[in-house]
Amino acid sequence: MARVRLIEVGGGAQERLPRAGTKQALLVGMLSQISGVTIRELVEETGWKANTVHAALSTLRTSGRQIAIEHAEGVKRYRIMN
């Protein structure tokens, strides 16, 4: 069974949708999948380095989005809950 950790940050900025066609929009779209996505998959799709992907996830959290992290079979999968 996968272990799920939900990270919630309150008091963040008001949520905005990213502009269509941007890497930020790609990131949000991939994270919105029910199955979630790995950091490696995000790196491959965006062309960003892993630390940049982590920074983008942090920015999403501070903007009020809830990010779930699922640990299954030694792999972390991230997805947006709201």
N, C-alpha and C. Protein backbone atom coordinates (compact mmCIF):
# COMPACT_ATOMS: atom_id res chain seq x y z
N MET A 1 0.84 -1.18 0.00
CA MET A 1 0.00 0.00 0.00
C MET A 1 0.88 1.24 0.00
N ALA A 2 0.52 2.20 -0.77
CA ALA A 2 1.27 3.44 -0.88
C ALA A 2 1.01 4.32 0.34
N ARG A 3 2.04 4.99 0.76
CA ARG A 3 1.94 5.93 1.86
C ARG A 3 1.76 7.32 1.25
N VAL A 4 0.78 8.07 1.73
CA VAL A 4 0.49 9.38 1.17
C VAL A 4 0.71 10.44 2.24
N ARG A 5 1.42 11.48 1.86
CA ARG A 5 1.63 12.62 2.75
C ARG A 5 1.06 13.84 2.05
N LEU A 6 0.20 14.56 2.73
CA LEU A 6 -0.41 15.75 2.16
C LEU A 6 0.23 16.97 2.79
N ILE A 7 0.73 17.85 1.95
CA ILE A 7 1.36 19.07 2.42
C ILE A 7 0.41 20.21 2.14
N GLU A 8 0.02 20.91 3.20
CA GLU A 8 -0.91 22.02 3.05
C GLU A 8 -0.28 23.27 3.65
N VAL A 9 -0.31 24.33 2.91
CA VAL A 9 0.23 25.59 3.38
C VAL A 9 -0.90 26.60 3.36
N GLY A 10 -1.18 27.18 4.49
CA GLY A 10 -2.26 28.16 4.57
C GLY A 10 -1.71 29.58 4.42
N GLY A 11 -2.59 30.50 4.13
CA GLY A 11 -2.22 31.90 4.07
C GLY A 11 -1.40 32.28 2.85
N GLY A 12 -1.40 31.43 1.83
CA GLY A 12 -0.63 31.72 0.62
C GLY A 12 -1.32 32.75 -0.25
N ALA A 13 -0.69 33.09 -1.32
CA ALA A 13 -1.26 34.05 -2.27
C ALA A 13 -2.50 33.44 -2.91
N GLN A 14 -3.31 34.28 -3.49
CA GLN A 14 -4.50 33.80 -4.17
C GLN A 14 -4.10 32.96 -5.38
N GLU A 15 -4.79 31.83 -5.54
CA GLU A 15 -4.45 30.90 -6.62
C GLU A 15 -4.77 31.49 -7.99
N ARG A 16 -3.81 31.36 -8.91
CA ARG A 16 -4.00 31.79 -10.29
C ARG A 16 -3.67 30.62 -11.20
N LEU A 17 -4.30 30.56 -12.33
CA LEU A 17 -3.97 29.54 -13.32
C LEU A 17 -2.79 30.03 -14.16
N PRO A 18 -1.84 29.15 -14.46
CA PRO A 18 -0.71 29.56 -15.30
C PRO A 18 -1.17 29.80 -16.74
N ARG A 19 -0.43 30.64 -17.46
CA ARG A 19 -0.74 30.90 -18.86
C ARG A 19 -0.59 29.62 -19.68
N ALA A 20 -1.49 29.42 -20.61
CA ALA A 20 -1.45 28.23 -21.47
C ALA A 20 -0.16 28.22 -22.28
N GLY A 21 0.40 27.02 -22.46
CA GLY A 21 1.59 26.87 -23.29
C GLY A 21 2.90 27.10 -22.56
N THR A 22 2.85 27.43 -21.26
CA THR A 22 4.08 27.65 -20.50
C THR A 22 4.52 26.37 -19.80
N LYS A 23 5.76 26.35 -19.36
CA LYS A 23 6.24 25.19 -18.62
C LYS A 23 5.50 25.05 -17.29
N GLN A 24 5.12 26.18 -16.71
CA GLN A 24 4.36 26.14 -15.47
C GLN A 24 3.01 25.45 -15.71
N ALA A 25 2.37 25.74 -16.83
CA ALA A 25 1.10 25.10 -17.18
C ALA A 25 1.32 23.60 -17.41
N LEU A 26 2.42 23.25 -18.05
CA LEU A 26 2.76 21.84 -18.26
C LEU A 26 2.93 21.14 -16.92
N LEU A 27 3.64 21.78 -16.00
CA LEU A 27 3.87 21.23 -14.67
C LEU A 27 2.54 20.98 -13.95
N VAL A 28 1.66 21.98 -13.94
CA VAL A 28 0.37 21.84 -13.28
C VAL A 28 -0.46 20.74 -13.94
N GLY A 29 -0.43 20.67 -15.25
CA GLY A 29 -1.17 19.63 -15.96
C GLY A 29 -0.69 18.24 -15.62
N MET A 30 0.62 18.06 -15.56
CA MET A 30 1.18 16.75 -15.22
C MET A 30 0.87 16.38 -13.78
N LEU A 31 0.96 17.36 -12.88
CA LEU A 31 0.67 17.10 -11.47
C LEU A 31 -0.81 16.85 -11.21
N SER A 32 -1.67 17.24 -12.13
CA SER A 32 -3.11 17.07 -11.97
C SER A 32 -3.58 15.67 -12.34
N GLN A 33 -2.70 14.86 -12.90
CA GLN A 33 -3.07 13.49 -13.26
C GLN A 33 -3.37 12.70 -11.99
N ILE A 34 -4.34 11.83 -12.05
CA ILE A 34 -4.72 11.02 -10.89
C ILE A 34 -3.55 10.15 -10.43
N SER A 35 -2.77 9.64 -11.37
CA SER A 35 -1.65 8.77 -11.02
C SER A 35 -0.45 9.54 -10.48
N GLY A 36 -0.47 10.86 -10.64
CA GLY A 36 0.66 11.67 -10.19
C GLY A 36 1.83 11.57 -11.16
N VAL A 37 2.98 12.10 -10.74
CA VAL A 37 4.14 12.15 -11.61
C VAL A 37 5.40 12.13 -10.74
N THR A 38 6.47 11.59 -11.28
CA THR A 38 7.74 11.58 -10.56
C THR A 38 8.56 12.82 -10.92
N ILE A 39 9.54 13.11 -10.09
CA ILE A 39 10.44 14.23 -10.38
C ILE A 39 11.15 13.97 -11.71
N ARG A 40 11.57 12.74 -11.93
CA ARG A 40 12.26 12.39 -13.19
C ARG A 40 11.40 12.70 -14.41
N GLU A 41 10.10 12.36 -14.33
CA GLU A 41 9.20 12.63 -15.45
C GLU A 41 9.05 14.13 -15.67
N LEU A 42 8.97 14.90 -14.58
CA LEU A 42 8.87 16.35 -14.71
C LEU A 42 10.14 16.94 -15.31
N VAL A 43 11.31 16.41 -14.92
CA VAL A 43 12.59 16.87 -15.47
C VAL A 43 12.64 16.61 -16.96
N GLU A 44 12.22 15.42 -17.38
CA GLU A 44 12.27 15.05 -18.79
C GLU A 44 11.33 15.92 -19.63
N GLU A 45 10.14 16.21 -19.11
CA GLU A 45 9.16 16.99 -19.88
C GLU A 45 9.49 18.47 -19.94
N THR A 46 9.99 19.02 -18.83
CA THR A 46 10.23 20.47 -18.79
C THR A 46 11.62 20.85 -19.27
N GLY A 47 12.57 19.92 -19.14
CA GLY A 47 13.95 20.25 -19.47
C GLY A 47 14.67 20.95 -18.33
N TRP A 48 13.98 21.09 -17.19
CA TRP A 48 14.56 21.72 -16.02
C TRP A 48 15.43 20.72 -15.27
N LYS A 49 16.29 21.23 -14.41
CA LYS A 49 17.05 20.37 -13.49
C LYS A 49 16.13 20.02 -12.32
N ALA A 50 16.49 18.94 -11.60
CA ALA A 50 15.65 18.48 -10.50
C ALA A 50 15.45 19.56 -9.44
N ASN A 51 16.49 20.33 -9.12
CA ASN A 51 16.33 21.36 -8.10
C ASN A 51 15.36 22.45 -8.55
N THR A 52 15.28 22.71 -9.84
CA THR A 52 14.33 23.70 -10.36
C THR A 52 12.91 23.16 -10.25
N VAL A 53 12.73 21.87 -10.51
CA VAL A 53 11.41 21.25 -10.36
C VAL A 53 10.96 21.33 -8.91
N HIS A 54 11.87 21.02 -7.97
CA HIS A 54 11.53 21.11 -6.55
C HIS A 54 11.16 22.54 -6.16
N ALA A 55 11.87 23.52 -6.69
CA ALA A 55 11.56 24.92 -6.41
C ALA A 55 10.18 25.29 -6.94
N ALA A 56 9.84 24.78 -8.13
CA ALA A 56 8.52 25.05 -8.71
C ALA A 56 7.42 24.42 -7.85
N LEU A 57 7.67 23.22 -7.33
CA LEU A 57 6.70 22.57 -6.43
C LEU A 57 6.51 23.40 -5.17
N SER A 58 7.60 23.93 -4.65
CA SER A 58 7.54 24.78 -3.47
C SER A 58 6.72 26.03 -3.74
N THR A 59 6.90 26.61 -4.91
CA THR A 59 6.13 27.80 -5.29
C THR A 59 4.64 27.48 -5.38
N LEU A 60 4.31 26.32 -5.93
CA LEU A 60 2.90 25.91 -6.00
C LEU A 60 2.32 25.75 -4.60
N ARG A 61 3.10 25.17 -3.69
CA ARG A 61 2.62 24.99 -2.31
C ARG A 61 2.36 26.33 -1.64
N THR A 62 3.26 27.27 -1.81
CA THR A 62 3.09 28.57 -1.16
C THR A 62 1.96 29.38 -1.80
N SER A 63 1.58 29.02 -3.02
CA SER A 63 0.46 29.71 -3.66
C SER A 63 -0.88 29.09 -3.26
N GLY A 64 -0.84 28.11 -2.35
CA GLY A 64 -2.08 27.55 -1.81
C GLY A 64 -2.48 26.20 -2.35
N ARG A 65 -1.72 25.65 -3.25
CA ARG A 65 -2.08 24.32 -3.78
C ARG A 65 -1.62 23.24 -2.81
N GLN A 66 -2.42 22.18 -2.69
CA GLN A 66 -2.06 21.05 -1.86
C GLN A 66 -1.39 20.00 -2.74
N ILE A 67 -0.19 19.61 -2.37
CA ILE A 67 0.56 18.61 -3.14
C ILE A 67 0.65 17.34 -2.30
N ALA A 68 0.18 16.24 -2.84
CA ALA A 68 0.29 14.94 -2.18
C ALA A 68 1.54 14.26 -2.68
N ILE A 69 2.26 13.62 -1.76
CA ILE A 69 3.44 12.84 -2.12
C ILE A 69 3.16 11.40 -1.74
N GLU A 70 3.15 10.52 -2.72
CA GLU A 70 2.88 9.10 -2.50
C GLU A 70 4.19 8.33 -2.60
N HIS A 71 4.47 7.51 -1.60
CA HIS A 71 5.66 6.68 -1.59
C HIS A 71 5.21 5.25 -1.88
N ALA A 72 5.61 4.71 -3.01
CA ALA A 72 5.25 3.34 -3.37
C ALA A 72 6.42 2.70 -4.11
N GLU A 73 6.82 1.54 -3.65
CA GLU A 73 7.89 0.78 -4.30
C GLU A 73 9.16 1.60 -4.47
N GLY A 74 9.48 2.41 -3.48
CA GLY A 74 10.70 3.20 -3.52
C GLY A 74 10.67 4.41 -4.45
N VAL A 75 9.48 4.75 -4.95
CA VAL A 75 9.33 5.88 -5.87
C VAL A 75 8.36 6.89 -5.27
N LYS A 76 8.72 8.16 -5.33
CA LYS A 76 7.82 9.22 -4.88
C LYS A 76 7.06 9.76 -6.08
N ARG A 77 5.73 9.84 -5.94
CA ARG A 77 4.88 10.41 -6.98
C ARG A 77 4.16 11.61 -6.38
N TYR A 78 4.17 12.70 -7.11
CA TYR A 78 3.58 13.95 -6.67
C TYR A 78 2.32 14.22 -7.46
N ARG A 79 1.30 14.79 -6.78
CA ARG A 79 0.09 15.20 -7.50
C ARG A 79 -0.59 16.32 -6.76
N ILE A 80 -1.32 17.12 -7.50
CA ILE A 80 -2.08 18.23 -6.92
C ILE A 80 -3.42 17.69 -6.43
N MET A 81 -3.75 18.07 -5.21
CA MET A 81 -5.01 17.60 -4.61
C MET A 81 -6.16 18.56 -4.86
N ASN A 82 -5.90 19.84 -5.11
CA ASN A 82 -7.00 20.80 -5.28
C ASN A 82 -6.87 21.54 -6.58
